Amino acid sequence: MLRRRLCLLVAAPFLIVVGCGGKKEEALRLFEIKHSRYGCVIREGSNEPYADACDQKYSVAKKDKETELVAMIPSGVCYMRPADCTKVDCLQAEVPCPPGPDKAMPPKSGQWKVEKTDTECRVTPKPPTYKNARIAPYDMPCPDYPEGTVGVRRGLGENRSRCQVDDGFECALDDSTCTPPPAVYVACPPK
């Protein structure tokens, strides 16, 4: 990661001219990658964040809720960086680069908003981290979701591979007499 300087030596009798010039170092592209259980959200500088499946093929984080700071040098190679690092000389280990917004894959959502129409469902995956990261909604044939379904969420513990209907029913925090209906398990949306 050393900068190379181009020097030119011109020699003539009784005259030697040396001229050195250096290419101005270009700015680094700085990424922040926030991980969650189902994917991650990537923000480049102050640009709009975008969600990705974050399947660890380019990521070194291993735990939920970890944040990675990555810098891309002008040649397209990426390195881990400390929080205050904005120059090449403080970059750390080389890592694979995150995809750009045009190549990001949809995250494995843990929650979906479901709007039923006559024959289809409009499904909107909920973002894994940033509230303003956009994940495109899509239409799908409505599986056997019961009436009143407003959402679906992935189960917890041993039910993690199944999804549970969210029917919008909520008990008030101070209401000890409220009994929620039993969990109804359904097929998870495909994205």
Protein backbone atom coordinates (compact mmCIF):
# COMPACT_ATOMS: atom_id res chain seq x y z
CA MET A 1 0.00 0.00 0.00
CA LEU A 2 2.91 2.31 -0.69
CA ARG A 3 2.51 5.22 -3.02
CA ARG A 4 4.81 5.15 -6.03
CA ARG A 5 6.39 8.31 -7.32
CA LEU A 6 7.40 8.78 -10.92
CA CYS A 7 10.80 10.40 -11.30
CA LEU A 8 12.43 11.50 -14.54
CA LEU A 9 16.16 12.00 -14.87
CA VAL A 10 17.51 13.92 -17.85
CA ALA A 11 21.26 14.14 -18.17
CA ALA A 12 23.26 16.33 -20.54
CA PRO A 13 26.84 17.56 -20.31
CA PHE A 14 27.09 19.86 -17.29
CA LEU A 15 23.33 19.69 -16.71
CA ILE A 16 21.26 17.17 -14.77
CA VAL A 17 17.55 17.71 -14.35
CA VAL A 18 15.53 15.60 -11.98
CA GLY A 19 11.77 15.94 -11.82
CA CYS A 20 9.53 13.89 -9.56
CA GLY A 21 5.81 13.90 -9.49
CA GLY A 22 3.29 11.92 -7.58
CA LYS A 23 -0.28 11.09 -8.40
CA LYS A 24 -2.63 12.68 -5.93
CA GLU A 25 -4.00 9.99 -3.63
CA GLU A 26 -7.68 9.41 -4.31
CA ALA A 27 -10.20 9.29 -1.51
CA LEU A 28 -11.19 5.98 0.04
CA ARG A 29 -14.74 4.65 -0.23
CA LEU A 30 -15.89 4.04 3.34
CA PHE A 31 -18.50 1.39 4.19
CA GLU A 32 -20.32 0.60 7.41
CA ILE A 33 -21.87 -2.89 7.54
CA LYS A 34 -24.39 -3.56 10.32
CA HIS A 35 -25.23 -7.20 10.86
CA SER A 36 -28.45 -8.71 12.18
CA ARG A 37 -29.75 -12.26 12.44
CA TYR A 38 -31.22 -12.26 8.94
CA GLY A 39 -28.85 -10.15 6.88
CA CYS A 40 -27.11 -6.81 7.01
CA VAL A 41 -27.49 -3.22 5.98
CA ILE A 42 -24.67 -1.47 4.15
CA ARG A 43 -24.12 2.28 4.13
CA GLU A 44 -21.46 3.90 1.97
CA GLY A 45 -20.55 7.27 3.41
CA SER A 46 -23.68 9.41 3.63
CA ASN A 47 -25.49 7.55 0.81
CA GLU A 48 -28.83 5.82 1.26
CA PRO A 49 -28.33 2.47 3.06
CA TYR A 50 -29.27 -0.77 1.33
CA ALA A 51 -29.98 -4.27 2.62
CA ASP A 52 -28.11 -7.43 1.64
CA ALA A 53 -28.32 -11.14 2.52
CA CYS A 54 -24.82 -10.71 3.99
CA ASP A 55 -24.12 -14.42 3.67
CA GLN A 56 -20.55 -14.08 4.99
CA LYS A 57 -18.95 -14.53 1.54
CA TYR A 58 -17.47 -11.04 1.88
CA SER A 59 -17.95 -10.42 5.55
CA VAL A 60 -15.73 -11.26 8.51
CA ALA A 61 -18.31 -10.57 11.24
CA LYS A 62 -19.59 -13.67 12.97
CA LYS A 63 -22.12 -12.34 15.48
CA ASP A 64 -25.49 -10.59 15.26
CA LYS A 65 -25.43 -6.85 15.78
CA GLU A 66 -21.73 -6.57 14.89
CA THR A 67 -20.70 -3.55 12.86
CA GLU A 68 -17.82 -3.75 10.41
CA LEU A 69 -15.98 -0.76 9.01
CA VAL A 70 -14.46 -1.36 5.59
CA ALA A 71 -12.57 0.90 3.18
CA MET A 72 -12.09 0.39 -0.56
CA ILE A 73 -8.94 1.82 -2.09
CA PRO A 74 -9.09 3.25 -5.65
CA SER A 75 -7.86 -0.04 -7.17
CA GLY A 76 -11.01 -1.77 -5.85
CA VAL A 77 -9.40 -3.74 -2.99
CA CYS A 78 -11.05 -3.56 0.45
CA TYR A 79 -9.56 -3.51 3.94
CA MET A 80 -10.88 -3.46 7.49
CA ARG A 81 -10.43 -0.06 9.08
CA PRO A 82 -10.55 1.45 12.58
CA ALA A 83 -13.36 3.96 13.21
CA ASP A 84 -11.13 7.01 12.83
CA CYS A 85 -9.24 5.74 9.76
CA THR A 86 -9.81 7.58 6.48
CA LYS A 87 -6.37 7.15 4.82
CA VAL A 88 -4.52 4.22 3.31
CA ASP A 89 -1.75 4.11 5.94
CA CYS A 90 -4.08 3.03 8.80
CA LEU A 91 -5.97 0.25 6.99
CA GLN A 92 -5.80 -3.27 8.39
CA ALA A 93 -6.34 -6.78 6.95
CA GLU A 94 -7.60 -7.21 3.39
CA VAL A 95 -11.23 -8.39 3.19
CA PRO A 96 -13.62 -9.09 0.31
CA CYS A 97 -15.58 -6.00 -0.75
CA PRO A 98 -19.31 -5.62 -0.07
CA PRO A 99 -21.60 -5.58 -3.11
CA GLY A 100 -22.94 -2.31 -4.42
CA PRO A 101 -26.68 -1.60 -4.15
CA ASP A 102 -27.24 -2.95 -7.68
CA LYS A 103 -25.69 -6.36 -6.78
CA ALA A 104 -27.04 -6.76 -3.24
CA MET A 105 -29.24 -9.80 -2.60
CA PRO A 106 -32.45 -9.54 -0.56
CA PRO A 107 -31.88 -10.36 3.10
CA LYS A 108 -33.38 -13.39 4.75
CA SER A 109 -36.06 -11.44 6.52
CA GLY A 110 -37.38 -12.49 9.88
CA GLN A 111 -40.60 -10.49 9.59
CA TRP A 112 -42.92 -9.64 6.74
CA LYS A 113 -45.90 -7.33 6.42
CA VAL A 114 -48.68 -9.11 4.51
CA GLU A 115 -51.56 -7.38 2.70
CA LYS A 116 -54.10 -9.84 1.32
CA THR A 117 -55.98 -9.11 -1.88
CA ASP A 118 -58.45 -11.41 -3.64
CA THR A 119 -55.97 -14.00 -4.87
CA GLU A 120 -52.53 -12.65 -4.00
CA CYS A 121 -50.57 -11.30 -1.06
CA ARG A 122 -48.44 -8.17 -1.20
CA VAL A 123 -45.43 -9.06 0.95
CA THR A 124 -43.04 -6.44 2.32
CA PRO A 125 -39.92 -7.77 4.09
CA LYS A 126 -39.05 -5.69 7.13
CA PRO A 127 -35.51 -4.28 7.12
CA PRO A 128 -33.00 -6.11 9.29
CA THR A 129 -31.36 -3.03 10.86
CA TYR A 130 -31.91 0.52 9.58
CA LYS A 131 -35.54 1.62 9.51
CA ASN A 132 -35.00 3.54 6.29
CA ALA A 133 -33.28 0.73 4.34
CA ARG A 134 -35.61 -0.19 1.54
CA ILE A 135 -36.41 -3.80 0.72
CA ALA A 136 -38.64 -4.14 -2.32
CA PRO A 137 -42.14 -5.57 -1.73
CA TYR A 138 -43.34 -8.34 -4.01
CA ASP A 139 -46.57 -10.16 -4.90
CA MET A 140 -47.05 -13.87 -4.38
CA PRO A 141 -49.93 -16.32 -4.41
CA CYS A 142 -51.48 -16.26 -0.95
CA PRO A 143 -50.78 -19.50 0.85
CA ASP A 144 -53.23 -20.70 3.46
CA TYR A 145 -52.85 -17.61 5.61
CA PRO A 146 -55.93 -17.25 7.85
CA GLU A 147 -58.22 -14.23 7.64
CA GLY A 148 -56.92 -11.31 9.67
CA THR A 149 -53.25 -12.00 8.86
CA VAL A 150 -51.35 -8.70 8.82
CA GLY A 151 -47.87 -10.16 8.97
CA VAL A 152 -45.69 -13.21 9.35
CA ARG A 153 -42.63 -13.62 11.55
CA ARG A 154 -40.04 -16.34 11.87
CA GLY A 155 -40.45 -18.47 15.00
CA LEU A 156 -37.91 -18.63 17.81
CA GLY A 157 -35.96 -21.51 19.32
CA GLU A 158 -37.03 -24.88 17.97
CA ASN A 159 -39.62 -23.15 15.75
CA ARG A 160 -37.00 -21.03 13.97
CA SER A 161 -37.48 -22.87 10.67
CA ARG A 162 -41.23 -22.17 10.74
CA CYS A 163 -43.17 -18.94 10.49
CA GLN A 164 -45.94 -17.70 12.72
CA VAL A 165 -48.93 -15.56 11.75
CA ASP A 166 -49.11 -12.04 13.14
CA ASP A 167 -52.80 -11.20 13.36
CA GLY A 168 -52.30 -7.80 14.95
CA PHE A 169 -53.65 -9.00 18.33
CA GLU A 170 -51.79 -7.39 21.22
CA CYS A 171 -52.35 -7.40 24.96
CA ALA A 172 -51.80 -4.19 26.88
CA LEU A 173 -48.73 -4.42 29.12
CA ASP A 174 -50.75 -3.90 32.30
CA ASP A 175 -53.62 -6.27 31.34
CA SER A 176 -53.07 -9.58 33.14
CA THR A 177 -56.46 -10.92 32.00
CA CYS A 178 -55.62 -10.73 28.30
CA THR A 179 -54.96 -14.10 26.65
CA PRO A 180 -53.47 -14.05 23.16
CA PRO A 181 -54.73 -16.69 20.72
CA PRO A 182 -52.51 -19.76 20.19
CA ALA A 183 -49.72 -19.49 17.63
CA VAL A 184 -50.66 -20.40 14.04
CA TYR A 185 -47.73 -21.65 11.96
CA VAL A 186 -47.66 -21.14 8.19
CA ALA A 187 -45.18 -21.31 5.31
CA CYS A 188 -42.58 -18.56 5.35
CA PRO A 189 -42.61 -16.11 2.42
CA PRO A 190 -39.91 -16.99 -0.13
CA LYS A 191 -37.72 -13.91 0.44
